[in-house]
C-alpha atoms as a PDB file:
ATOM      1  CA  MET A   1       5.975 -17.174  63.286  1.00  0.00           C
ATOM      2  CA  GLN A   2       6.630 -19.229  60.173  1.00  0.00           C
ATOM      3  CA  ARG A   3       3.329 -17.700  58.117  1.00  0.00           C
ATOM      4  CA  PRO A   4       4.736 -14.449  57.874  1.00  0.00           C
ATOM      5  CA  LEU A   5       8.085 -15.813  56.802  1.00  0.00           C
ATOM      6  CA  ALA A   6       6.520 -17.728  53.980  1.00  0.00           C
ATOM      7  CA  ALA A   7       4.303 -15.045  53.006  1.00  0.00           C
ATOM      8  CA  SER A   8       7.540 -12.993  52.836  1.00  0.00           C
ATOM      9  CA  LEU A   9       9.244 -15.776  50.637  1.00  0.00           C
ATOM     10  CA  LEU A  10       6.049 -15.918  48.803  1.00  0.00           C
ATOM     11  CA  THR A  11       6.082 -12.073  48.082  1.00  0.00           C
ATOM     12  CA  ALA A  12       9.862 -12.115  46.899  1.00  0.00           C
ATOM     13  CA  LEU A  13       9.397 -14.829  44.447  1.00  0.00           C
ATOM     14  CA  VAL A  14       5.946 -13.111  42.709  1.00  0.00           C
ATOM     15  CA  LEU A  15       8.338  -9.925  42.792  1.00  0.00           C
ATOM     16  CA  THR A  16      10.917 -12.004  41.279  1.00  0.00           C
ATOM     17  CA  LEU A  17       8.802 -13.583  38.587  1.00  0.00           C
ATOM     18  CA  ALA A  18       7.464  -9.974  38.042  1.00  0.00           C
ATOM     19  CA  LEU A  19      10.524  -8.544  37.268  1.00  0.00           C
ATOM     20  CA  ALA A  20      11.769 -11.109  34.914  1.00  0.00           C
ATOM     21  CA  GLY A  21       8.577 -10.708  32.902  1.00  0.00           C
ATOM     22  CA  CYS A  22       8.955  -7.183  32.708  1.00  0.00           C
ATOM     23  CA  SER A  23      13.301  -7.817  31.800  1.00  0.00           C
ATOM     24  CA  ALA A  24      11.431 -10.190  28.967  1.00  0.00           C
ATOM     25  CA  ASP A  25       9.040  -7.348  27.940  1.00  0.00           C
ATOM     26  CA  ALA A  26      11.479  -4.685  27.726  1.00  0.00           C
ATOM     27  CA  ALA A  27      13.546  -6.331  25.408  1.00  0.00           C
ATOM     28  CA  PRO A  28      14.540  -4.406  22.645  1.00  0.00           C
ATOM     29  CA  GLU A  29      13.006  -4.759  18.742  1.00  0.00           C
ATOM     30  CA  ALA A  30      15.406  -6.555  16.577  1.00  0.00           C
ATOM     31  CA  LYS A  31      17.296  -3.919  14.513  1.00  0.00           C
ATOM     32  CA  ASP A  32      15.640  -3.740  11.055  1.00  0.00           C
ATOM     33  CA  THR A  33      18.401  -4.317   8.754  1.00  0.00           C
ATOM     34  CA  ARG A  34      16.416  -5.804   5.235  1.00  0.00           C
ATOM     35  CA  ALA A  35      16.440  -2.920   2.484  1.00  0.00           C
ATOM     36  CA  PRO A  36      12.957  -2.907   0.446  1.00  0.00           C
ATOM     37  CA  THR A  37      12.482  -4.488  -2.755  1.00  0.00           C
ATOM     38  CA  VAL A  38      13.702  -2.791  -6.185  1.00  0.00           C
ATOM     39  CA  PRO A  39      10.655  -0.281  -7.377  1.00  0.00           C
ATOM     40  CA  SER A  40       9.621  -1.990 -10.938  1.00  0.00           C
ATOM     41  CA  GLY A  41       7.923  -0.712 -13.805  1.00  0.00           C
ATOM     42  CA  VAL A  42       9.682   2.530 -14.129  1.00  0.00           C
ATOM     43  CA  THR A  43       8.989   4.763 -17.384  1.00  0.00           C
ATOM     44  CA  ALA A  44       9.777   8.093 -18.111  1.00  0.00           C
ATOM     45  CA  THR A  45       7.968  10.475 -20.852  1.00  0.00           C
ATOM     46  CA  ALA A  46       9.230  13.802 -21.763  1.00  0.00           C
ATOM     47  CA  GLY A  47       6.256  16.006 -21.712  1.00  0.00           C
ATOM     48  CA  SER A  48       8.007  19.303 -22.861  1.00  0.00           C
ATOM     49  CA  ALA A  49      11.069  20.918 -23.706  1.00  0.00           C
ATOM     50  CA  SER A  50      12.122  21.016 -20.071  1.00  0.00           C
ATOM     51  CA  THR A  51      10.343  18.645 -18.023  1.00  0.00           C
ATOM     52  CA  VAL A  52       9.967  14.333 -17.989  1.00  0.00           C
ATOM     53  CA  HIS A  53       7.371  12.647 -16.207  1.00  0.00           C
ATOM     54  CA  VAL A  54       8.431   9.781 -14.098  1.00  0.00           C
ATOM     55  CA  MET A  55       6.557   6.808 -12.984  1.00  0.00           C
ATOM     56  CA  TRP A  56       6.925   3.468 -10.897  1.00  0.00           C
ATOM     57  CA  SER A  57       5.194   0.519  -8.998  1.00  0.00           C
ATOM     58  CA  ALA A  58       5.309   0.573  -5.516  1.00  0.00           C
ATOM     59  CA  ALA A  59       7.882  -1.564  -3.815  1.00  0.00           C
ATOM     60  CA  THR A  60       7.597  -3.761  -0.775  1.00  0.00           C
ATOM     61  CA  ASP A  61       9.127  -3.898   2.524  1.00  0.00           C
ATOM     62  CA  ASP A  62       9.240  -6.332   5.580  1.00  0.00           C
ATOM     63  CA  ARG A  63       8.055  -3.692   7.462  1.00  0.00           C
ATOM     64  CA  ALA A  64       7.005  -0.475   5.494  1.00  0.00           C
ATOM     65  CA  VAL A  65       8.143   1.675   2.648  1.00  0.00           C
ATOM     66  CA  THR A  66       8.231   5.096   3.782  1.00  0.00           C
ATOM     67  CA  GLY A  67       9.276   6.840   0.761  1.00  0.00           C
ATOM     68  CA  TYR A  68      10.883   7.015  -2.636  1.00  0.00           C
ATOM     69  CA  ALA A  69      14.094   8.792  -4.182  1.00  0.00           C
ATOM     70  CA  VAL A  70      14.306   9.493  -7.763  1.00  0.00           C
ATOM     71  CA  TYR A  71      17.657  10.245  -9.787  1.00  0.00           C
ATOM     72  CA  ARG A  72      18.999  11.512 -12.609  1.00  0.00           C
ATOM     73  CA  GLU A  73      22.010  10.868 -14.197  1.00  0.00           C
ATOM     74  CA  GLY A  74      23.079   9.062 -10.733  1.00  0.00           C
ATOM     75  CA  HIS A  75      22.303  12.334  -8.789  1.00  0.00           C
ATOM     76  CA  LYS A  76      19.282  12.718  -6.476  1.00  0.00           C
ATOM     77  CA  VAL A  77      16.497  15.101  -8.005  1.00  0.00           C
ATOM     78  CA  LYS A  78      13.454  13.838  -5.916  1.00  0.00           C
ATOM     79  CA  ASP A  79      12.488  12.640  -2.278  1.00  0.00           C
ATOM     80  CA  LEU A  80       8.904  11.508  -2.182  1.00  0.00           C
ATOM     81  CA  PRO A  81       6.527  10.051   0.323  1.00  0.00           C
ATOM     82  CA  ALA A  82       5.546   6.323   0.217  1.00  0.00           C
ATOM     83  CA  THR A  83       2.191   7.065  -1.281  1.00  0.00           C
ATOM     84  CA  THR A  84       3.552   8.911  -4.383  1.00  0.00           C
ATOM     85  CA  LEU A  85       4.379   6.770  -7.189  1.00  0.00           C
ATOM     86  CA  MET A  86       4.960   9.708 -10.133  1.00  0.00           C
ATOM     87  CA  THR A  87       6.584  12.815 -10.135  1.00  0.00           C
ATOM     88  CA  ASP A  88       7.759  15.839 -12.909  1.00  0.00           C
ATOM     89  CA  VAL A  89      11.449  16.487 -12.975  1.00  0.00           C
ATOM     90  CA  VAL A  90      11.527  19.951 -14.434  1.00  0.00           C
ATOM     91  CA  GLY A  91      14.234  22.398 -15.155  1.00  0.00           C
ATOM     92  CA  LEU A  92      15.795  20.331 -17.960  1.00  0.00           C
ATOM     93  CA  ALA A  93      17.653  21.686 -21.015  1.00  0.00           C
ATOM     94  CA  PRO A  94      15.204  20.997 -24.523  1.00  0.00           C
ATOM     95  CA  ALA A  95      16.788  17.955 -27.009  1.00  0.00           C
ATOM     96  CA  THR A  96      18.597  16.343 -24.266  1.00  0.00           C
ATOM     97  CA  PRO A  97      18.775  12.592 -22.857  1.00  0.00           C
ATOM     98  CA  HIS A  98      18.035  11.902 -19.307  1.00  0.00           C
ATOM     99  CA  ARG A  99      18.954   8.537 -17.364  1.00  0.00           C
ATOM    100  CA  PHE A 100      16.498   8.354 -14.385  1.00  0.00           C
ATOM    101  CA  THR A 101      16.416   5.723 -11.779  1.00  0.00           C
ATOM    102  CA  VAL A 102      14.040   4.925  -8.849  1.00  0.00           C
ATOM    103  CA  ARG A 103      15.113   4.050  -5.231  1.00  0.00           C
ATOM    104  CA  ALA A 104      12.834   2.994  -1.909  1.00  0.00           C
ATOM    105  CA  ARG A 105      13.680   3.349   1.497  1.00  0.00           C
ATOM    106  CA  ASP A 106      12.460   2.536   5.323  1.00  0.00           C
ATOM    107  CA  ALA A 107      11.745   3.803   8.189  1.00  0.00           C
ATOM    108  CA  ALA A 108      15.571   2.520   9.521  1.00  0.00           C
ATOM    109  CA  GLY A 109      17.039   4.109   6.639  1.00  0.00           C
ATOM    110  CA  ASN A 110      17.302   1.066   4.485  1.00  0.00           C
ATOM    111  CA  VAL A 111      17.608   1.756   0.673  1.00  0.00           C
ATOM    112  CA  SER A 112      16.695  -0.593  -2.024  1.00  0.00           C
ATOM    113  CA  PRO A 113      19.206  -0.665  -4.918  1.00  0.00           C
ATOM    114  CA  PRO A 114      18.459   1.183  -7.972  1.00  0.00           C
ATOM    115  CA  SER A 115      15.890   0.438 -10.440  1.00  0.00           C
ATOM    116  CA  ALA A 116      16.305  -0.453 -13.568  1.00  0.00           C
ATOM    117  CA  THR A 117      17.758   3.003 -15.664  1.00  0.00           C
ATOM    118  CA  VAL A 118      15.174   4.572 -18.193  1.00  0.00           C
ATOM    119  CA  THR A 119      15.940   7.607 -20.624  1.00  0.00           C
ATOM    120  CA  ALA A 120      13.954  10.255 -21.782  1.00  0.00           C
ATOM    121  CA  THR A 121      15.035  13.067 -24.175  1.00  0.00           C
ATOM    122  CA  THR A 122      13.033  16.294 -23.715  1.00  0.00           C
ATOM    123  CA  LEU A 123      11.343  18.093 -26.773  1.00  0.00           C
ATOM    124  CA  ARG A 124      13.067  20.710 -28.811  1.00  0.00           C
ATOM    125  CA  ALA A 125      12.602  24.168 -27.761  1.00  0.00           C
ATOM    126  CA  ALA A 126       9.722  25.398 -30.167  1.00  0.00           C
ATOM    127  CA  ALA A 127       8.373  29.238 -30.761  1.00  0.00           C
ATOM    128  CA  GLU A 128       6.059  30.878 -27.969  1.00  0.00           C
ATOM    129  CA  ASP A 129       2.654  28.330 -28.255  1.00  0.00           C
ATOM    130  CA  ARG A 130      -0.513  29.454 -26.441  1.00  0.00           C
ATOM    131  CA  THR A 131      -2.719  27.222 -28.305  1.00  0.00           C
ATOM    132  CA  ALA A 132      -3.844  24.354 -26.400  1.00  0.00           C
ATOM    133  CA  PRO A 133      -5.155  20.767 -28.016  1.00  0.00           C
ATOM    134  CA  SER A 134      -8.614  19.785 -28.452  1.00  0.00           C
ATOM    135  CA  ALA A 135     -10.042  17.725 -25.473  1.00  0.00           C
ATOM    136  CA  PRO A 136      -9.737  13.713 -26.185  1.00  0.00           C
ATOM    137  CA  ARG A 137     -13.012  12.416 -27.281  1.00  0.00           C
ATOM    138  CA  ALA A 138     -14.858   9.179 -26.974  1.00  0.00           C
ATOM    139  CA  LEU A 139     -13.029   7.984 -23.141  1.00  0.00           C
ATOM    140  CA  ARG A 140     -13.820   4.650 -22.930  1.00  0.00           C
ATOM    141  CA  ALA A 141     -13.124   2.534 -19.012  1.00  0.00           C
ATOM    142  CA  THR A 142     -12.429  -1.147 -18.562  1.00  0.00           C
ATOM    143  CA  ALA A 143     -12.552  -2.433 -15.708  1.00  0.00           C
ATOM    144  CA  ASP A 144      -9.984  -5.621 -15.522  1.00  0.00           C
ATOM    145  CA  GLY A 145     -10.827  -7.367 -12.250  1.00  0.00           C
ATOM    146  CA  GLY A 146     -10.799  -5.349  -9.336  1.00  0.00           C
ATOM    147  CA  ARG A 147      -7.907  -3.728  -9.062  1.00  0.00           C
ATOM    148  CA  ALA A 148      -6.817  -2.544 -12.528  1.00  0.00           C
ATOM    149  CA  ALA A 149      -8.740  -0.957 -15.378  1.00  0.00           C
ATOM    150  CA  THR A 150      -8.113   0.086 -19.094  1.00  0.00           C
ATOM    151  CA  LEU A 151      -8.747   3.442 -20.664  1.00  0.00           C
ATOM    152  CA  ARG A 152      -9.098   4.026 -24.023  1.00  0.00           C
ATOM    153  CA  TRP A 153      -9.712   7.757 -26.300  1.00  0.00           C
ATOM    154  CA  SER A 154      -9.588   9.141 -29.335  1.00  0.00           C
ATOM    155  CA  ALA A 155      -6.772  11.426 -30.367  1.00  0.00           C
ATOM    156  CA  SER A 156      -6.747  15.082 -29.741  1.00  0.00           C
ATOM    157  CA  THR A 157      -5.185  17.477 -32.330  1.00  0.00           C
ATOM    158  CA  ASP A 158      -2.752  19.985 -31.684  1.00  0.00           C
ATOM    159  CA  ASP A 159      -1.391  23.239 -33.997  1.00  0.00           C
ATOM    160  CA  THR A 160       2.159  22.107 -33.036  1.00  0.00           C
ATOM    161  CA  ARG A 161       1.540  18.079 -31.584  1.00  0.00           C
ATOM    162  CA  VAL A 162       0.532  16.311 -28.570  1.00  0.00           C
ATOM    163  CA  THR A 163       3.443  15.220 -26.698  1.00  0.00           C
ATOM    164  CA  ALA A 164       1.594  13.845 -23.465  1.00  0.00           C
ATOM    165  CA  TYR A 165      -2.173  12.784 -22.430  1.00  0.00           C
ATOM    166  CA  ASP A 166      -2.931  13.060 -18.190  1.00  0.00           C
ATOM    167  CA  VAL A 167      -5.215  10.874 -16.618  1.00  0.00           C
ATOM    168  CA  TYR A 168      -7.264  12.528 -13.779  1.00  0.00           C
ATOM    169  CA  GLN A 169      -9.410  10.763 -10.918  1.00  0.00           C
ATOM    170  CA  ALA A 170     -11.253  13.404  -8.599  1.00  0.00           C
ATOM    171  CA  ASP A 171      -9.193  16.545 -10.522  1.00  0.00           C
ATOM    172  CA  VAL A 172      -5.933  14.723  -9.541  1.00  0.00           C
ATOM    173  CA  ARG A 173      -3.007  13.392 -12.046  1.00  0.00           C
ATOM    174  CA  ILE A 174      -2.853   9.743 -11.469  1.00  0.00           C
ATOM    175  CA  HIS A 175      -1.190   8.806 -14.838  1.00  0.00           C
ATOM    176  CA  THR A 176       0.725  10.148 -17.805  1.00  0.00           C
ATOM    177  CA  VAL A 177       1.626   8.443 -21.160  1.00  0.00           C
ATOM    178  CA  PRO A 178       3.056   9.587 -24.337  1.00  0.00           C
ATOM    179  CA  GLY A 179       1.514  11.534 -27.128  1.00  0.00           C
ATOM    180  CA  GLY A 180       1.401   9.094 -29.641  1.00  0.00           C
ATOM    181  CA  ALA A 181      -0.762   6.566 -27.013  1.00  0.00           C
ATOM    182  CA  THR A 182      -4.351   6.409 -26.703  1.00  0.00           C
ATOM    183  CA  THR A 183      -4.597   3.752 -24.046  1.00  0.00           C
ATOM    184  CA  ALA A 184      -3.826   3.523 -20.812  1.00  0.00           C
ATOM    185  CA  ARG A 185      -3.601   1.044 -18.050  1.00  0.00           C
ATOM    186  CA  LEU A 186      -4.158   1.827 -14.380  1.00  0.00           C
ATOM    187  CA  ALA A 187      -3.285  -0.571 -11.692  1.00  0.00           C
ATOM    188  CA  GLY A 188      -3.656  -0.260  -7.617  1.00  0.00           C
ATOM    189  CA  LEU A 189      -7.507   0.401  -7.643  1.00  0.00           C
ATOM    190  CA  ARG A 190      -9.434  -0.746  -4.873  1.00  0.00           C
ATOM    191  CA  PRO A 191     -12.237  -3.700  -5.509  1.00  0.00           C
ATOM    192  CA  GLY A 192     -15.825  -2.913  -5.576  1.00  0.00           C
ATOM    193  CA  THR A 193     -15.022   0.465  -5.676  1.00  0.00           C
ATOM    194  CA  ALA A 194     -16.648   3.061  -8.065  1.00  0.00           C
ATOM    195  CA  TYR A 195     -13.978   5.580 -10.261  1.00  0.00           C
ATOM    196  CA  ALA A 196     -14.723   8.408 -12.783  1.00  0.00           C
ATOM    197  CA  PHE A 197     -11.625   9.125 -15.049  1.00  0.00           C
ATOM    198  CA  THR A 198     -11.122  12.224 -17.171  1.00  0.00           C
ATOM    199  CA  VAL A 199      -8.090  12.648 -19.618  1.00  0.00           C
ATOM    200  CA  ARG A 200      -6.522  15.758 -20.931  1.00  0.00           C
ATOM    201  CA  ALA A 201      -4.037  16.301 -23.761  1.00  0.00           C
ATOM    202  CA  ARG A 202      -0.838  18.253 -23.442  1.00  0.00           C
ATOM    203  CA  ASP A 203       1.562  19.777 -25.632  1.00  0.00           C
ATOM    204  CA  ALA A 204       5.387  20.979 -25.653  1.00  0.00           C
ATOM    205  CA  ALA A 205       4.370  24.209 -24.520  1.00  0.00           C
ATOM    206  CA  GLU A 206       2.751  22.726 -21.538  1.00  0.00           C
ATOM    207  CA  ASN A 207      -0.883  23.844 -22.733  1.00  0.00           C
ATOM    208  CA  SER A 208      -3.401  21.475 -21.532  1.00  0.00           C
ATOM    209  CA  SER A 209      -6.363  20.657 -23.074  1.00  0.00           C
ATOM    210  CA  PRO A 210      -9.918  20.761 -21.692  1.00  0.00           C
ATOM    211  CA  ASP A 211     -11.173  17.728 -19.873  1.00  0.00           C
ATOM    212  CA  SER A 212     -12.708  15.050 -21.756  1.00  0.00           C
ATOM    213  CA  ALA A 213     -15.927  13.825 -20.849  1.00  0.00           C
ATOM    214  CA  PRO A 214     -15.895  11.272 -17.808  1.00  0.00           C
ATOM    215  CA  ALA A 215     -15.455   7.558 -17.925  1.00  0.00           C
ATOM    216  CA  ASP A 216     -17.402   5.529 -15.075  1.00  0.00           C
ATOM    217  CA  LEU A 217     -16.680   2.570 -13.873  1.00  0.00           C
ATOM    218  CA  THR A 218     -16.881   0.151 -10.839  1.00  0.00           C
ATOM    219  CA  THR A 219     -14.102  -2.639 -10.382  1.00  0.00           C
ATOM    220  CA  ALA A 220     -15.077  -5.862  -9.322  1.00  0.00           C
ATOM    221  CA  THR A 221     -15.961  -6.835  -5.825  1.00  0.00           C
ATOM    222  CA  ALA A 222     -13.489  -9.119  -3.961  1.00  0.00           C
ATOM    223  CA  PRO A 223     -14.676 -13.058  -3.027  1.00  0.00           C
ATOM    224  CA  GLY A 224     -17.215 -12.488  -0.365  1.00  0.00           C
ATOM    225  CA  ALA A 225     -17.477  -8.911  -0.302  1.00  0.00           C
ATOM    226  CA  PRO A 226     -20.892  -7.087  -0.274  1.00  0.00           C
ATOM    227  CA  GLU A 227     -21.947  -5.299  -3.565  1.00  0.00           C
ATOM    228  CA  ASN A 228     -21.048  -1.904  -4.045  1.00  0.00           C
ATOM    229  CA  THR A 229     -23.546   0.583  -2.468  1.00  0.00           C
ATOM    230  CA  ALA A 230     -22.588   3.917  -4.354  1.00  0.00           C
ATOM    231  CA  PRO A 231     -25.515   6.304  -5.589  1.00  0.00           C
ATOM    232  CA  THR A 232     -25.269   6.282  -9.777  1.00  0.00           C
ATOM    233  CA  GLY A 233     -25.497   8.391 -12.239  1.00  0.00           C
ATOM    234  CA  LEU A 234     -24.224  11.878 -10.643  1.00  0.00           C
ATOM    235  CA  THR A 235     -24.293  14.998 -12.497  1.00  0.00           C
ATOM    236  CA  ALA A 236     -22.813  18.199 -11.110  1.00  0.00           C
ATOM    237  CA  THR A 237     -23.488  21.818 -12.536  1.00  0.00           C
ATOM    238  CA  ALA A 238     -22.750  25.321 -11.708  1.00  0.00           C
ATOM    239  CA  ALA A 239     -24.758  28.222 -12.142  1.00  0.00           C
ATOM    240  CA  LYS A 240     -24.034  31.614 -10.994  1.00  0.00           C
ATOM    241  CA  GLY A 241     -23.692  31.414  -7.082  1.00  0.00           C
ATOM    242  CA  GLU A 242     -24.865  28.016  -6.535  1.00  0.00           C
ATOM    243  CA  ILE A 243     -24.392  24.256  -7.784  1.00  0.00           C
ATOM    244  CA  THR A 244     -26.513  21.474  -8.588  1.00  0.00           C
ATOM    245  CA  VAL A 245     -26.075  17.750  -7.767  1.00  0.00           C
ATOM    246  CA  THR A 246     -27.965  15.220  -9.235  1.00  0.00           C
ATOM    247  CA  TRP A 247     -27.982  11.497  -8.567  1.00  0.00           C
ATOM    248  CA  THR A 248     -29.883   8.242  -8.287  1.00  0.00           C
ATOM    249  CA  PRO A 249     -29.807   6.463  -4.874  1.00  0.00           C
ATOM    250  CA  PRO A 250     -28.850   3.243  -4.758  1.00  0.00           C
ATOM    251  CA  ASP A 251     -31.413   0.155  -4.443  1.00  0.00           C
ATOM    252  CA  THR A 252     -31.033  -0.769  -0.294  1.00  0.00           C
ATOM    253  CA  GLY A 253     -34.359  -2.289  -0.440  1.00  0.00           C
ATOM    254  CA  ALA A 254     -35.481   0.601   1.597  1.00  0.00           C
ATOM    255  CA  PRO A 255     -36.179   4.198   1.489  1.00  0.00           C
ATOM    256  CA  VAL A 256     -32.660   5.923   1.502  1.00  0.00           C
ATOM    257  CA  THR A 257     -33.368   9.294   3.174  1.00  0.00           C
ATOM    258  CA  HIS A 258     -29.890  10.142   4.252  1.00  0.00           C
ATOM    259  CA  HIS A 259     -26.986  11.096   1.816  1.00  0.00           C
ATOM    260  CA  GLU A 260     -23.520  13.142   2.914  1.00  0.00           C
ATOM    261  CA  LEU A 261     -22.120  15.331   0.148  1.00  0.00           C
ATOM    262  CA  HIS A 262     -18.240  15.641   0.051  1.00  0.00           C
ATOM    263  CA  LEU A 263     -16.730  18.618  -1.547  1.00  0.00           C
ATOM    264  CA  ASN A 264     -12.896  18.143  -2.670  1.00  0.00           C
ATOM    265  CA  GLY A 265     -12.827  15.011  -0.533  1.00  0.00           C
ATOM    266  CA  ARG A 266     -14.136  16.554   2.830  1.00  0.00           C
ATOM    267  CA  PHE A 267     -17.621  16.350   4.039  1.00  0.00           C
ATOM    268  CA  ALA A 268     -19.792  19.234   3.674  1.00  0.00           C
ATOM    269  CA  THR A 269     -23.106  18.161   4.713  1.00  0.00           C
ATOM    270  CA  THR A 270     -25.581  16.041   5.132  1.00  0.00           C
ATOM    271  CA  ILE A 271     -28.694  15.994   2.572  1.00  0.00           C
ATOM    272  CA  ILE A 272     -32.300  14.482   4.449  1.00  0.00           C
ATOM    273  CA  TRP A 273     -35.135  14.051   2.780  1.00  0.00           C
ATOM    274  CA  GLY A 274     -37.152  12.607   5.977  1.00  0.00           C
ATOM    275  CA  ASN A 275     -39.594   9.751   5.382  1.00  0.00           C
ATOM    276  CA  GLU A 276     -40.367  10.246   2.069  1.00  0.00           C
ATOM    277  CA  PRO A 277     -37.295  10.663  -0.083  1.00  0.00           C
ATOM    278  CA  PRO A 278     -38.389  11.692  -3.899  1.00  0.00           C
ATOM    279  CA  PRO A 279     -38.992   9.039  -6.084  1.00  0.00           C
ATOM    280  CA  GLY A 280     -36.415   8.143  -9.002  1.00  0.00           C
ATOM    281  CA  ARG A 281     -33.419  10.551  -9.282  1.00  0.00           C
ATOM    282  CA  ALA A 282     -32.680  13.087  -6.628  1.00  0.00           C
ATOM    283  CA  THR A 283     -31.300  16.676  -6.788  1.00  0.00           C
ATOM    284  CA  TYR A 284     -29.946  19.045  -4.305  1.00  0.00           C
ATOM    285  CA  THR A 285     -28.884  22.888  -5.100  1.00  0.00           C
ATOM    286  CA  PHE A 286     -26.488  24.459  -2.674  1.00  0.00           C
ATOM    287  CA  PRO A 287     -25.041  28.017  -2.986  1.00  0.00           C
ATOM    288  CA  VAL A 288     -21.138  28.797  -3.355  1.00  0.00           C
ATOM    289  CA  GLN A 289     -19.443  31.982  -2.736  1.00  0.00           C
ATOM    290  CA  ASP A 290     -16.208  30.926  -4.172  1.00  0.00           C
ATOM    291  CA  PRO A 291     -14.764  33.333  -7.157  1.00  0.00           C
ATOM    292  CA  PRO A 292     -15.309  32.115 -10.614  1.00  0.00           C
ATOM    293  CA  GLY A 293     -13.149  29.470 -12.043  1.00  0.00           C
ATOM    294  CA  THR A 294     -12.957  27.690  -8.829  1.00  0.00           C
ATOM    295  CA  ARG A 295     -13.005  23.687  -8.950  1.00  0.00           C
ATOM    296  CA  TYR A 296     -15.050  21.577  -6.905  1.00  0.00           C
ATOM    297  CA  THR A 297     -15.015  17.645  -7.213  1.00  0.00           C
ATOM    298  CA  VAL A 298     -18.029  16.556  -5.721  1.00  0.00           C
ATOM    299  CA  THR A 299     -19.168  12.683  -4.178  1.00  0.00           C
ATOM    300  CA  LEU A 300     -22.082  11.688  -2.393  1.00  0.00           C
ATOM    301  CA  ARG A 301     -22.600   8.337  -0.326  1.00  0.00           C
ATOM    302  CA  ALA A 302     -25.917   7.009   0.951  1.00  0.00           C
ATOM    303  CA  ARG A 303     -27.060   5.951   4.650  1.00  0.00           C
ATOM    304  CA  LEU A 304     -27.966   2.193   4.537  1.00  0.00           C
ATOM    305  CA  PRO A 305     -30.881   0.724   6.675  1.00  0.00           C
ATOM    306  CA  ASP A 306     -28.340  -0.413   9.394  1.00  0.00           C
ATOM    307  CA  GLY A 307     -27.465   3.222   9.985  1.00  0.00           C
ATOM    308  CA  THR A 308     -23.973   2.918   8.593  1.00  0.00           C
ATOM    309  CA  TRP A 309     -22.590   4.652   5.366  1.00  0.00           C
ATOM    310  CA  GLY A 310     -22.287   2.971   1.788  1.00  0.00           C
ATOM    311  CA  ASP A 311     -19.767   3.249  -0.654  1.00  0.00           C
ATOM    312  CA  PHE A 312     -19.027   6.828  -2.502  1.00  0.00           C
ATOM    313  CA  SER A 313     -20.410   7.730  -6.005  1.00  0.00           C
ATOM    314  CA  VAL A 314     -17.746   8.303  -8.504  1.00  0.00           C
ATOM    315  CA  SER A 315     -16.645  12.210  -8.313  1.00  0.00           C
ATOM    316  CA  ARG A 316     -17.570  15.007 -10.646  1.00  0.00           C
ATOM    317  CA  THR A 317     -15.841  18.154 -11.249  1.00  0.00           C
ATOM    318  CA  VAL A 318     -17.328  21.507 -11.675  1.00  0.00           C
ATOM    319  CA  VAL A 319     -16.144  24.613 -11.908  1.00  0.00           C
ATOM    320  CA  VAL A 320     -17.711  27.758 -10.145  1.00  0.00           C
ATOM    321  CA  ARG A 321     -19.527  30.235 -12.440  1.00  0.00           C
END
């Protein structure tokens, strides 16, 4: 009769230890009371008589920054997600100075102290202006290591004056500098990545110029990382009802038989050449049914010999005719 008793005692002991382990596993997570760091690098640039463009550098947190708040004269005017580091504050009075600060927040509701205060004065209201500035010329891009780049261009002209230059990547504005500047430094880039940038000039009436010619660059690869495998020399041109893309496949040591075409950041189709892809540059034409004026951003990537997909090419913007 001792063995069943011993088994019962052993069972009770195991159950007790298991419950103790469960209790330890269920210990509540320590409360997050640490606020994010203060956003740095805050700038404010008047873009017109009624708008100011505010930018800043990302804050950090012991867990994660979840958003930012922009304040004008101490009153919150914008709530933004953590992925957004710039915004336009609109509806302002002409020829008026405004003070801006930015604060970061985390998921627990902790909020950083305000950033340094920056000031911008909106432009004077002018007579109706419908003439856009000329496109910036001679855009050049230089990589500064793996995570930054510097853009330089020749100034645009306008019938009144250029008040700002907007930098675009994949048809999305990522940076703004005052109208007197002809350089911009971009941070937060990814190592070993191909980029294409364009610049537009803007005047006080918010008229924007056509895009500059694109400037391409590939940031330096991180130590020990493989070389970039993006297709190069991508062009995209529109004709009535169709778009044609041309590119040079990457040198992978083997024929590149498959490419993926992405439109506006989404997969569109796979281009398959079979066992004998065309030598040199490749060309592909596809139909479009969107109305004239529709804008597309086009990117490509190649399938590598190991079956994985390589790096994306630079993006090209094309307008449907």
